[in-house]
Structures are given as structure tokens and as C-alpha cells.
Amino acid sequence: MSDHFFVVTGGPGAGKTSLITELSRRGFHTIPESGRAVIREEVASGGDALPWADRTAYADRMLEWDLRAYSAAQALSVPVIFDRGIPDIMGYLTLCGLPLPPHIAAAANAARYNARVLLTPYWDAIFTQDTERKQTRAEAQATCAAMRKTYAALGNEIIELPRADIVTRADFVCAQLAI
């Protein structure tokens, strides 16, 4: 386990990326969300490993991306904050009603993060959709619940972030990391 690797998870549109951006601005080493990166790459190349096309291929591409990011972060001794972690792929597959391939479960068990996982709860007031985030409000709520359940099943302590402005949330994260 890498105690200095922290995951921010939750449903789409709950402020994860905005929080990660603020933490990066404060000097933290951050890792962007693999899902959005895969979507951009697949759209640009005309691929179909997309959540609205081939969800299994999309999950595999996210795993490749996340494993590379996790491996690269191993060289760092400072806190690293991930916009989602490998277990999010497990939650995604469960949410989609797809089987969990053994290689994804094995990766989630092998590439461990800090036991405290930061969860951005669904927050209707800030939920928005965009070209990459097409989920409905109901899907966003279900995603948050799936991520909570997935990380808890892996033995993580779920720390729910307050529904507050980005500065307050970032201050809360810093306090949780004892930094």
C-alpha cells in the first residue's frame, strides 16, 4: 500500500476535478482522471473504447491509464492525489451490470492507495453535464453510491467531503491528510 497516495472519488459532477485543480494549485502532485483522458483519446482517434460504445474496452483502457499513473507515482515520496483510483473501474463495471474481470480485481487489490478515501457526495446544486460527462442526475447519484460501496468493500475508510466551496473543500482535504 502507498500511504501517500490519496484517492478522491464520487459521482460525476460532484466537484472532484475542481478540487483536484485547487489542490494542484496549492502545490500537491495530482493525477488526472483516466476516464476523461481515455474519452478524449478515443474520440480523437475514432476509437470505440467509450462509455457510450464499448464499456468493457473503456474499462480496460482506464485500467491501462491508471496502472501507468500509479507506477509513475511510485517514484514520488510526497502526497499524491488521484482523481479516481483503480477501484473506481470496479464500481463502474458493477454500475453498468458488467462482469468484473479477474485482472481488474487483481489490479485493484495490488495497487493500493491510502486507506482513507475522500468521497465527493452527489450535490445537485453543482451537478452539470458536458461533452464527456453525459450521465443524468440519477446516474450521478448511483455512481456515488457504487464508489462508496466498492471502496468500503475493499476495506477503505470513506471520508465524505463537505458540500462547500472549493477552498473550504481543499482546506478540509489538507486537514484530513494532516498537512
N, C-alpha and C. Protein backbone atom coordinates (compact mmCIF):
# COMPACT_ATOMS: atom_id res chain seq x y z
N MET A 1 0.84 -1.17 0.00
CA MET A 1 0.00 0.00 0.00
C MET A 1 0.88 1.24 0.00
N SER A 2 0.43 2.24 -0.70
CA SER A 2 1.14 3.51 -0.72
C SER A 2 0.36 4.51 0.12
N ASP A 3 0.80 4.69 1.36
CA ASP A 3 0.09 5.56 2.28
C ASP A 3 0.04 7.01 1.84
N HIS A 4 0.94 7.40 0.94
CA HIS A 4 0.93 8.79 0.49
C HIS A 4 0.15 8.98 -0.81
N PHE A 5 -0.58 7.95 -1.24
CA PHE A 5 -1.45 8.02 -2.41
C PHE A 5 -2.89 8.17 -1.92
N PHE A 6 -3.53 9.27 -2.25
CA PHE A 6 -4.89 9.54 -1.80
C PHE A 6 -5.83 9.63 -3.00
N VAL A 7 -6.99 8.99 -2.87
CA VAL A 7 -7.98 8.98 -3.93
C VAL A 7 -9.14 9.90 -3.57
N VAL A 8 -9.55 10.69 -4.57
CA VAL A 8 -10.79 11.45 -4.48
C VAL A 8 -11.75 10.77 -5.45
N THR A 9 -12.88 10.30 -4.95
CA THR A 9 -13.85 9.59 -5.77
C THR A 9 -15.24 10.16 -5.55
N GLY A 10 -16.21 9.59 -6.22
CA GLY A 10 -17.60 10.03 -6.11
C GLY A 10 -18.25 9.95 -7.47
N GLY A 11 -19.42 10.52 -7.58
CA GLY A 11 -20.12 10.52 -8.85
C GLY A 11 -19.67 11.66 -9.74
N PRO A 12 -20.09 11.62 -10.99
CA PRO A 12 -19.75 12.72 -11.89
C PRO A 12 -20.45 14.01 -11.47
N GLY A 13 -19.80 15.12 -11.73
CA GLY A 13 -20.41 16.42 -11.46
C GLY A 13 -20.47 16.80 -10.00
N ALA A 14 -19.65 16.16 -9.16
CA ALA A 14 -19.66 16.43 -7.72
C ALA A 14 -18.50 17.31 -7.27
N GLY A 15 -17.70 17.80 -8.21
CA GLY A 15 -16.62 18.72 -7.87
C GLY A 15 -15.25 18.11 -7.69
N LYS A 16 -15.07 16.85 -8.10
CA LYS A 16 -13.77 16.20 -7.93
C LYS A 16 -12.66 16.92 -8.69
N THR A 17 -12.88 17.16 -9.96
CA THR A 17 -11.84 17.76 -10.79
C THR A 17 -11.54 19.18 -10.35
N SER A 18 -12.55 19.93 -9.97
CA SER A 18 -12.31 21.29 -9.46
C SER A 18 -11.48 21.25 -8.19
N LEU A 19 -11.77 20.29 -7.32
CA LEU A 19 -10.99 20.12 -6.10
C LEU A 19 -9.55 19.74 -6.42
N ILE A 20 -9.37 18.80 -7.34
CA ILE A 20 -8.01 18.37 -7.74
C ILE A 20 -7.24 19.57 -8.30
N THR A 21 -7.90 20.39 -9.10
CA THR A 21 -7.26 21.57 -9.66
C THR A 21 -6.80 22.52 -8.56
N GLU A 22 -7.64 22.72 -7.55
CA GLU A 22 -7.26 23.60 -6.43
C GLU A 22 -6.10 23.00 -5.64
N LEU A 23 -6.13 21.71 -5.43
CA LEU A 23 -5.03 21.08 -4.68
C LEU A 23 -3.73 21.16 -5.48
N SER A 24 -3.81 21.04 -6.78
CA SER A 24 -2.63 21.20 -7.63
C SER A 24 -2.11 22.63 -7.53
N ARG A 25 -3.02 23.58 -7.54
CA ARG A 25 -2.64 25.00 -7.41
C ARG A 25 -1.90 25.23 -6.09
N ARG A 26 -2.26 24.46 -5.07
CA ARG A 26 -1.62 24.58 -3.75
C ARG A 26 -0.30 23.83 -3.67
N GLY A 27 0.10 23.20 -4.75
CA GLY A 27 1.40 22.55 -4.79
C GLY A 27 1.40 21.05 -4.64
N PHE A 28 0.24 20.44 -4.54
CA PHE A 28 0.18 18.99 -4.45
C PHE A 28 0.43 18.35 -5.81
N HIS A 29 1.02 17.17 -5.79
CA HIS A 29 1.16 16.39 -7.02
C HIS A 29 -0.18 15.70 -7.23
N THR A 30 -0.79 15.93 -8.38
CA THR A 30 -2.11 15.35 -8.65
C THR A 30 -2.07 14.53 -9.94
N ILE A 31 -2.96 13.55 -10.00
CA ILE A 31 -3.10 12.68 -11.16
C ILE A 31 -4.51 12.86 -11.71
N PRO A 32 -4.64 13.23 -12.99
CA PRO A 32 -5.98 13.46 -13.55
C PRO A 32 -6.77 12.16 -13.72
N GLU A 33 -8.06 12.33 -13.88
CA GLU A 33 -8.96 11.19 -14.07
C GLU A 33 -8.68 10.48 -15.39
N SER A 34 -8.56 9.17 -15.32
CA SER A 34 -8.28 8.38 -16.53
C SER A 34 -9.47 8.37 -17.49
N GLY A 35 -10.67 8.33 -16.95
CA GLY A 35 -11.86 8.22 -17.81
C GLY A 35 -11.95 9.34 -18.83
N ARG A 36 -11.76 10.56 -18.38
CA ARG A 36 -11.83 11.69 -19.30
C ARG A 36 -10.69 11.64 -20.32
N ALA A 37 -9.50 11.24 -19.89
CA ALA A 37 -8.36 11.14 -20.81
C ALA A 37 -8.64 10.09 -21.88
N VAL A 38 -9.18 8.96 -21.47
CA VAL A 38 -9.49 7.89 -22.44
C VAL A 38 -10.55 8.37 -23.42
N ILE A 39 -11.58 9.04 -22.92
CA ILE A 39 -12.62 9.55 -23.81
C ILE A 39 -12.01 10.50 -24.86
N ARG A 40 -11.18 11.43 -24.42
CA ARG A 40 -10.56 12.37 -25.36
C ARG A 40 -9.72 11.63 -26.41
N GLU A 41 -8.92 10.66 -25.95
CA GLU A 41 -8.08 9.89 -26.88
C GLU A 41 -8.92 9.10 -27.88
N GLU A 42 -9.94 8.43 -27.38
CA GLU A 42 -10.78 7.60 -28.24
C GLU A 42 -11.56 8.43 -29.25
N VAL A 43 -12.10 9.56 -28.81
CA VAL A 43 -12.83 10.43 -29.73
C VAL A 43 -11.89 10.96 -30.80
N ALA A 44 -10.69 11.39 -30.39
CA ALA A 44 -9.72 11.93 -31.35
C ALA A 44 -9.27 10.89 -32.38
N SER A 45 -9.17 9.63 -31.95
CA SER A 45 -8.68 8.59 -32.86
C SER A 45 -9.81 7.83 -33.56
N GLY A 46 -11.05 8.15 -33.22
CA GLY A 46 -12.18 7.42 -33.81
C GLY A 46 -12.39 6.06 -33.20
N GLY A 47 -11.84 5.84 -32.00
CA GLY A 47 -11.98 4.55 -31.32
C GLY A 47 -13.34 4.37 -30.69
N ASP A 48 -13.62 3.17 -30.22
CA ASP A 48 -14.92 2.90 -29.60
C ASP A 48 -14.82 2.45 -28.15
N ALA A 49 -13.65 2.61 -27.52
CA ALA A 49 -13.50 2.29 -26.09
C ALA A 49 -14.06 3.47 -25.31
N LEU A 50 -15.38 3.61 -25.38
CA LEU A 50 -16.09 4.74 -24.80
C LEU A 50 -17.25 4.25 -23.95
N PRO A 51 -17.65 5.02 -22.95
CA PRO A 51 -18.75 4.57 -22.09
C PRO A 51 -20.09 4.45 -22.82
N TRP A 52 -20.22 5.10 -23.96
CA TRP A 52 -21.45 5.00 -24.73
C TRP A 52 -21.31 4.07 -25.94
N ALA A 53 -20.18 3.36 -26.00
CA ALA A 53 -19.95 2.41 -27.10
C ALA A 53 -19.56 1.05 -26.53
N ASP A 54 -18.27 0.82 -26.30
CA ASP A 54 -17.77 -0.46 -25.77
C ASP A 54 -17.29 -0.25 -24.34
N ARG A 55 -18.16 -0.49 -23.39
CA ARG A 55 -17.86 -0.21 -21.98
C ARG A 55 -16.74 -1.11 -21.42
N THR A 56 -16.67 -2.33 -21.89
CA THR A 56 -15.62 -3.22 -21.40
C THR A 56 -14.26 -2.75 -21.90
N ALA A 57 -14.18 -2.36 -23.16
CA ALA A 57 -12.93 -1.83 -23.70
C ALA A 57 -12.57 -0.52 -23.00
N TYR A 58 -13.57 0.29 -22.70
CA TYR A 58 -13.35 1.55 -21.97
C TYR A 58 -12.74 1.26 -20.59
N ALA A 59 -13.27 0.27 -19.89
CA ALA A 59 -12.74 -0.10 -18.57
C ALA A 59 -11.29 -0.58 -18.69
N ASP A 60 -11.00 -1.37 -19.70
CA ASP A 60 -9.62 -1.84 -19.90
C ASP A 60 -8.67 -0.69 -20.21
N ARG A 61 -9.10 0.26 -21.01
CA ARG A 61 -8.26 1.42 -21.31
C ARG A 61 -8.03 2.27 -20.06
N MET A 62 -9.08 2.43 -19.24
CA MET A 62 -8.90 3.17 -17.98
C MET A 62 -7.89 2.46 -17.09
N LEU A 63 -7.97 1.13 -17.04
CA LEU A 63 -7.03 0.36 -16.22
C LEU A 63 -5.60 0.58 -16.71
N GLU A 64 -5.38 0.52 -18.01
CA GLU A 64 -4.03 0.77 -18.55
C GLU A 64 -3.53 2.13 -18.12
N TRP A 65 -4.37 3.14 -18.27
CA TRP A 65 -4.01 4.52 -17.91
C TRP A 65 -3.69 4.61 -16.41
N ASP A 66 -4.58 4.04 -15.59
CA ASP A 66 -4.40 4.13 -14.13
C ASP A 66 -3.16 3.38 -13.66
N LEU A 67 -2.88 2.23 -14.25
CA LEU A 67 -1.68 1.48 -13.85
C LEU A 67 -0.40 2.24 -14.21
N ARG A 68 -0.40 2.89 -15.37
CA ARG A 68 0.77 3.71 -15.75
C ARG A 68 0.94 4.87 -14.76
N ALA A 69 -0.16 5.53 -14.42
CA ALA A 69 -0.09 6.67 -13.49
C ALA A 69 0.36 6.21 -12.11
N TYR A 70 -0.17 5.08 -11.65
CA TYR A 70 0.20 4.55 -10.34
C TYR A 70 1.68 4.20 -10.31
N SER A 71 2.15 3.54 -11.37
CA SER A 71 3.55 3.16 -11.45
C SER A 71 4.46 4.38 -11.47
N ALA A 72 4.11 5.38 -12.25
CA ALA A 72 4.93 6.60 -12.32
C ALA A 72 4.96 7.31 -10.98
N ALA A 73 3.86 7.30 -10.25
CA ALA A 73 3.77 7.98 -8.96
C ALA A 73 4.60 7.27 -7.88
N GLN A 74 4.95 6.01 -8.10
CA GLN A 74 5.75 5.27 -7.11
C GLN A 74 7.09 5.96 -6.83
N ALA A 75 7.60 6.71 -7.78
CA ALA A 75 8.89 7.39 -7.59
C ALA A 75 8.78 8.61 -6.68
N LEU A 76 7.56 9.01 -6.35
CA LEU A 76 7.35 10.22 -5.53
C LEU A 76 7.22 9.86 -4.06
N SER A 77 7.79 10.68 -3.20
CA SER A 77 7.67 10.45 -1.76
C SER A 77 6.70 11.46 -1.12
N VAL A 78 6.21 12.40 -1.90
CA VAL A 78 5.27 13.40 -1.41
C VAL A 78 3.84 12.87 -1.58
N PRO A 79 2.87 13.49 -0.91
CA PRO A 79 1.48 13.07 -1.13
C PRO A 79 1.09 13.23 -2.60
N VAL A 80 0.39 12.23 -3.10
CA VAL A 80 -0.11 12.24 -4.47
C VAL A 80 -1.62 12.07 -4.38
N ILE A 81 -2.34 12.95 -5.06
CA ILE A 81 -3.79 12.92 -5.01
C ILE A 81 -4.32 12.52 -6.38
N PHE A 82 -5.05 11.42 -6.41
CA PHE A 82 -5.58 10.84 -7.64
C PHE A 82 -7.04 11.25 -7.82
N ASP A 83 -7.37 11.72 -9.00
CA ASP A 83 -8.77 11.96 -9.38
C ASP A 83 -9.30 10.60 -9.83
N ARG A 84 -9.83 9.86 -8.90
CA ARG A 84 -10.29 8.48 -9.02
C ARG A 84 -9.12 7.51 -8.95
N GLY A 85 -9.41 6.28 -8.57
CA GLY A 85 -8.40 5.23 -8.46
C GLY A 85 -8.86 3.99 -9.20
N ILE A 86 -8.02 2.98 -9.20
CA ILE A 86 -8.34 1.74 -9.90
C ILE A 86 -9.65 1.11 -9.41
N PRO A 87 -9.97 1.15 -8.11
CA PRO A 87 -11.26 0.59 -7.69
C PRO A 87 -12.47 1.27 -8.33
N ASP A 88 -12.30 2.50 -8.80
CA ASP A 88 -13.41 3.16 -9.49
C ASP A 88 -13.83 2.37 -10.73
N ILE A 89 -12.89 1.69 -11.35
CA ILE A 89 -13.21 0.87 -12.53
C ILE A 89 -14.12 -0.29 -12.11
N MET A 90 -13.84 -0.86 -10.95
CA MET A 90 -14.70 -1.93 -10.42
C MET A 90 -16.11 -1.40 -10.20
N GLY A 91 -16.20 -0.22 -9.58
CA GLY A 91 -17.50 0.40 -9.34
C GLY A 91 -18.23 0.69 -10.64
N TYR A 92 -17.48 1.16 -11.63
CA TYR A 92 -18.07 1.47 -12.94
C TYR A 92 -18.66 0.20 -13.57
N LEU A 93 -17.90 -0.88 -13.58
CA LEU A 93 -18.38 -2.12 -14.17
C LEU A 93 -19.62 -2.64 -13.44
N THR A 94 -19.60 -2.57 -12.12
CA THR A 94 -20.75 -3.00 -11.33
C THR A 94 -21.97 -2.16 -11.67
N LEU A 95 -21.76 -0.86 -11.74
CA LEU A 95 -22.84 0.07 -12.07
C LEU A 95 -23.45 -0.24 -13.44
N CYS A 96 -22.60 -0.65 -14.38
CA CYS A 96 -23.05 -0.97 -15.74
C CYS A 96 -23.64 -2.37 -15.85
N GLY A 97 -23.57 -3.15 -14.76
CA GLY A 97 -24.08 -4.51 -14.80
C GLY A 97 -23.19 -5.45 -15.59
N LEU A 98 -21.90 -5.07 -15.69
CA LEU A 98 -20.94 -5.90 -16.43
C LEU A 98 -20.14 -6.76 -15.47
N PRO A 99 -19.66 -7.91 -15.91
CA PRO A 99 -18.85 -8.76 -15.04
C PRO A 99 -17.51 -8.08 -14.72
N LEU A 100 -17.00 -8.41 -13.54
CA LEU A 100 -15.72 -7.87 -13.11
C LEU A 100 -14.62 -8.85 -13.54
N PRO A 101 -13.83 -8.48 -14.54
CA PRO A 101 -12.76 -9.38 -14.98
C PRO A 101 -11.73 -9.58 -13.86
N PRO A 102 -11.20 -10.78 -13.73
CA PRO A 102 -10.22 -11.05 -12.66
C PRO A 102 -9.01 -10.12 -12.70
N HIS A 103 -8.56 -9.71 -13.90
CA HIS A 103 -7.37 -8.85 -13.96
C HIS A 103 -7.64 -7.46 -13.38
N ILE A 104 -8.87 -6.98 -13.45
CA ILE A 104 -9.18 -5.67 -12.87
C ILE A 104 -9.26 -5.79 -11.35
N ALA A 105 -9.90 -6.85 -10.85
CA ALA A 105 -9.95 -7.07 -9.40
C ALA A 105 -8.55 -7.25 -8.84
N ALA A 106 -7.72 -8.00 -9.54
CA ALA A 106 -6.34 -8.22 -9.08
C ALA A 106 -5.56 -6.90 -9.06
N ALA A 107 -5.75 -6.06 -10.07
CA ALA A 107 -5.06 -4.76 -10.10
C ALA A 107 -5.50 -3.88 -8.95
N ALA A 108 -6.79 -3.88 -8.64
CA ALA A 108 -7.30 -3.06 -7.54
C ALA A 108 -6.75 -3.54 -6.20
N ASN A 109 -6.55 -4.83 -6.07
CA ASN A 109 -6.01 -5.36 -4.82
C ASN A 109 -4.50 -5.17 -4.71
N ALA A 110 -3.82 -5.14 -5.84
CA ALA A 110 -2.36 -4.99 -5.84
C ALA A 110 -1.91 -3.54 -5.73
N ALA A 111 -2.59 -2.65 -6.43
CA ALA A 111 -2.21 -1.23 -6.45
C ALA A 111 -3.06 -0.51 -5.41
N ARG A 112 -2.59 -0.53 -4.19
CA ARG A 112 -3.37 0.03 -3.08
C ARG A 112 -3.03 1.50 -2.84
N TYR A 113 -4.01 2.20 -2.35
CA TYR A 113 -3.89 3.61 -2.00
C TYR A 113 -4.02 3.74 -0.49
N ASN A 114 -3.94 4.96 0.02
CA ASN A 114 -4.17 5.18 1.43
C ASN A 114 -5.55 4.64 1.80
N ALA A 115 -5.67 4.11 3.01
CA ALA A 115 -6.93 3.50 3.44
C ALA A 115 -8.06 4.52 3.55
N ARG A 116 -7.71 5.79 3.72
CA ARG A 116 -8.74 6.85 3.78
C ARG A 116 -9.01 7.34 2.36
N VAL A 117 -10.25 7.17 1.92
CA VAL A 117 -10.66 7.59 0.58
C VAL A 117 -11.61 8.78 0.73
N LEU A 118 -11.34 9.81 -0.05
CA LEU A 118 -12.12 11.04 0.01
C LEU A 118 -13.25 10.97 -1.01
N LEU A 119 -14.48 11.06 -0.53
CA LEU A 119 -15.66 10.92 -1.39
C LEU A 119 -16.36 12.26 -1.55
N THR A 120 -16.52 12.70 -2.80
CA THR A 120 -17.32 13.89 -3.07
C THR A 120 -18.76 13.41 -3.24
N PRO A 121 -19.64 13.77 -2.32
CA PRO A 121 -21.03 13.28 -2.42
C PRO A 121 -21.77 13.97 -3.57
N TYR A 122 -22.83 13.32 -4.02
CA TYR A 122 -23.67 13.95 -5.03
C TYR A 122 -24.18 15.27 -4.47
N TRP A 123 -24.14 16.29 -5.30
CA TRP A 123 -24.56 17.63 -4.87
C TRP A 123 -25.31 18.27 -6.03
N ASP A 124 -26.61 18.28 -5.92
CA ASP A 124 -27.46 18.75 -7.01
C ASP A 124 -27.13 20.17 -7.44
N ALA A 125 -26.77 21.03 -6.49
CA ALA A 125 -26.52 22.44 -6.78
C ALA A 125 -25.35 22.66 -7.75
N ILE A 126 -24.39 21.74 -7.81
CA ILE A 126 -23.24 21.94 -8.69
C ILE A 126 -23.19 20.94 -9.85
N PHE A 127 -24.12 20.00 -9.89
CA PHE A 127 -24.10 18.98 -10.94
C PHE A 127 -24.31 19.62 -12.31
N THR A 128 -23.41 19.29 -13.25
CA THR A 128 -23.55 19.73 -14.63
C THR A 128 -23.13 18.59 -15.56
N GLN A 129 -23.58 18.68 -16.78
CA GLN A 129 -23.17 17.73 -17.81
C GLN A 129 -22.30 18.48 -18.82
N ASP A 130 -21.48 17.74 -19.57
CA ASP A 130 -20.68 18.33 -20.64
C ASP A 130 -20.49 17.27 -21.72
N THR A 131 -19.59 17.53 -22.66
CA THR A 131 -19.43 16.61 -23.78
C THR A 131 -18.85 15.27 -23.37
N GLU A 132 -18.14 15.22 -22.24
CA GLU A 132 -17.56 13.97 -21.76
C GLU A 132 -18.38 13.37 -20.61
N ARG A 133 -19.08 14.20 -19.89
CA ARG A 133 -19.90 13.77 -18.75
C ARG A 133 -21.35 13.85 -19.18
N LYS A 134 -21.90 12.71 -19.58
CA LYS A 134 -23.25 12.68 -20.13
C LYS A 134 -24.26 12.06 -19.16
N GLN A 135 -23.81 11.68 -17.98
CA GLN A 135 -24.69 11.00 -17.04
C GLN A 135 -25.80 11.94 -16.54
N THR A 136 -26.94 11.32 -16.24
CA THR A 136 -28.05 12.06 -15.65
C THR A 136 -27.81 12.25 -14.16
N ARG A 137 -28.65 13.03 -13.52
CA ARG A 137 -28.56 13.21 -12.07
C ARG A 137 -28.70 11.87 -11.34
N ALA A 138 -29.67 11.06 -11.79
CA ALA A 138 -29.88 9.74 -11.16
C ALA A 138 -28.65 8.86 -11.32
N GLU A 139 -28.03 8.90 -12.50
CA GLU A 139 -26.81 8.11 -12.73
C GLU A 139 -25.65 8.62 -11.87
N ALA A 140 -25.58 9.93 -11.68
CA ALA A 140 -24.53 10.50 -10.83
C ALA A 140 -24.70 10.04 -9.39
N GLN A 141 -25.94 10.04 -8.91
CA GLN A 141 -26.21 9.56 -7.54
C GLN A 141 -25.86 8.08 -7.42
N ALA A 142 -26.24 7.29 -8.40
CA ALA A 142 -25.95 5.85 -8.38
C ALA A 142 -24.45 5.60 -8.44
N THR A 143 -23.73 6.41 -9.21
CA THR A 143 -22.28 6.27 -9.30
C THR A 143 -21.63 6.55 -7.96
N CYS A 144 -22.06 7.59 -7.29
CA CYS A 144 -21.52 7.91 -5.97
C CYS A 144 -21.74 6.74 -5.00
N ALA A 145 -22.94 6.20 -5.01
CA ALA A 145 -23.25 5.06 -4.14
C ALA A 145 -22.38 3.85 -4.48
N ALA A 146 -22.17 3.60 -5.78
CA ALA A 146 -21.36 2.46 -6.20
C ALA A 146 -19.90 2.63 -5.76
N MET A 147 -19.38 3.85 -5.85
CA MET A 147 -18.00 4.08 -5.45
C MET A 147 -17.85 3.92 -3.93
N ARG A 148 -18.81 4.43 -3.18
CA ARG A 148 -18.78 4.26 -1.72
C ARG A 148 -18.76 2.78 -1.37
N LYS A 149 -19.63 2.01 -2.00
CA LYS A 149 -19.74 0.58 -1.71
C LYS A 149 -18.47 -0.17 -2.13
N THR A 150 -17.93 0.17 -3.29
CA THR A 150 -16.74 -0.51 -3.81
C THR A 150 -15.54 -0.29 -2.89
N TYR A 151 -15.28 0.96 -2.54
CA TYR A 151 -14.13 1.26 -1.68
C TYR A 151 -14.32 0.68 -0.28
N ALA A 152 -15.53 0.74 0.24
CA ALA A 152 -15.79 0.16 1.57
C ALA A 152 -15.55 -1.35 1.56
N ALA A 153 -15.98 -2.01 0.47
CA ALA A 153 -15.79 -3.46 0.36
C ALA A 153 -14.31 -3.84 0.31
N LEU A 154 -13.47 -2.90 -0.15
CA LEU A 154 -12.03 -3.14 -0.19
C LEU A 154 -11.35 -2.78 1.14
N GLY A 155 -12.15 -2.39 2.12
CA GLY A 155 -11.62 -2.09 3.45
C GLY A 155 -11.21 -0.65 3.67
N ASN A 156 -11.61 0.24 2.77
CA ASN A 156 -11.25 1.64 2.92
C ASN A 156 -12.19 2.37 3.87
N GLU A 157 -11.65 3.38 4.53
CA GLU A 157 -12.45 4.30 5.34
C GLU A 157 -12.91 5.41 4.42
N ILE A 158 -14.21 5.63 4.33
CA ILE A 158 -14.76 6.65 3.45
C ILE A 158 -14.90 7.96 4.23
N ILE A 159 -14.25 9.00 3.73
CA ILE A 159 -14.35 10.32 4.33
C ILE A 159 -15.11 11.19 3.35
N GLU A 160 -16.33 11.56 3.72
CA GLU A 160 -17.17 12.36 2.84
C GLU A 160 -16.79 13.83 2.96
N LEU A 161 -16.54 14.44 1.82
CA LEU A 161 -16.20 15.86 1.79
C LEU A 161 -17.45 16.70 2.00
N PRO A 162 -17.28 17.87 2.60
CA PRO A 162 -18.45 18.73 2.80
C PRO A 162 -18.94 19.30 1.47
N ARG A 163 -20.22 19.58 1.43
CA ARG A 163 -20.79 20.30 0.28
C ARG A 163 -20.51 21.77 0.54
N ALA A 164 -19.37 22.21 0.04
CA ALA A 164 -18.91 23.57 0.31
C ALA A 164 -18.09 24.05 -0.88
N ASP A 165 -17.70 25.33 -0.85
CA ASP A 165 -16.91 25.87 -1.95
C ASP A 165 -15.56 25.15 -2.03
N ILE A 166 -14.88 25.34 -3.15
CA ILE A 166 -13.64 24.61 -3.43
C ILE A 166 -12.56 24.90 -2.39
N VAL A 167 -12.42 26.14 -1.97
CA VAL A 167 -11.38 26.48 -0.98
C VAL A 167 -11.65 25.74 0.32
N THR A 168 -12.89 25.72 0.77
CA THR A 168 -13.25 25.02 2.01
C THR A 168 -13.00 23.52 1.86
N ARG A 169 -13.37 22.98 0.71
CA ARG A 169 -13.14 21.55 0.47
C ARG A 169 -11.64 21.24 0.48
N ALA A 170 -10.85 22.08 -0.18
CA ALA A 170 -9.40 21.86 -0.22
C ALA A 170 -8.81 21.96 1.18
N ASP A 171 -9.27 22.92 1.97
CA ASP A 171 -8.82 23.03 3.36
C ASP A 171 -9.17 21.76 4.13
N PHE A 172 -10.36 21.22 3.91
CA PHE A 172 -10.81 20.00 4.57
C PHE A 172 -9.89 18.83 4.20
N VAL A 173 -9.57 18.73 2.90
CA VAL A 173 -8.67 17.65 2.45
C VAL A 173 -7.31 17.79 3.12
N CYS A 174 -6.77 18.99 3.14
CA CYS A 174 -5.46 19.20 3.77
C CYS A 174 -5.50 18.78 5.25
N ALA A 175 -6.58 19.09 5.92
CA ALA A 175 -6.71 18.69 7.33
C ALA A 175 -6.77 17.17 7.45
N GLN A 176 -7.47 16.51 6.51
CA GLN A 176 -7.56 15.04 6.54
C GLN A 176 -6.22 14.39 6.28
N LEU A 177 -5.40 15.05 5.47
CA LEU A 177 -4.09 14.49 5.15
C LEU A 177 -3.07 14.91 6.20
N ALA A 178 -3.50 15.70 7.17
CA ALA A 178 -2.63 16.22 8.23
C ALA A 178 -1.47 17.01 7.64
N ILE A 179 -1.78 17.86 6.67
CA ILE A 179 -0.75 18.65 6.01
C ILE A 179 -1.03 20.12 6.27
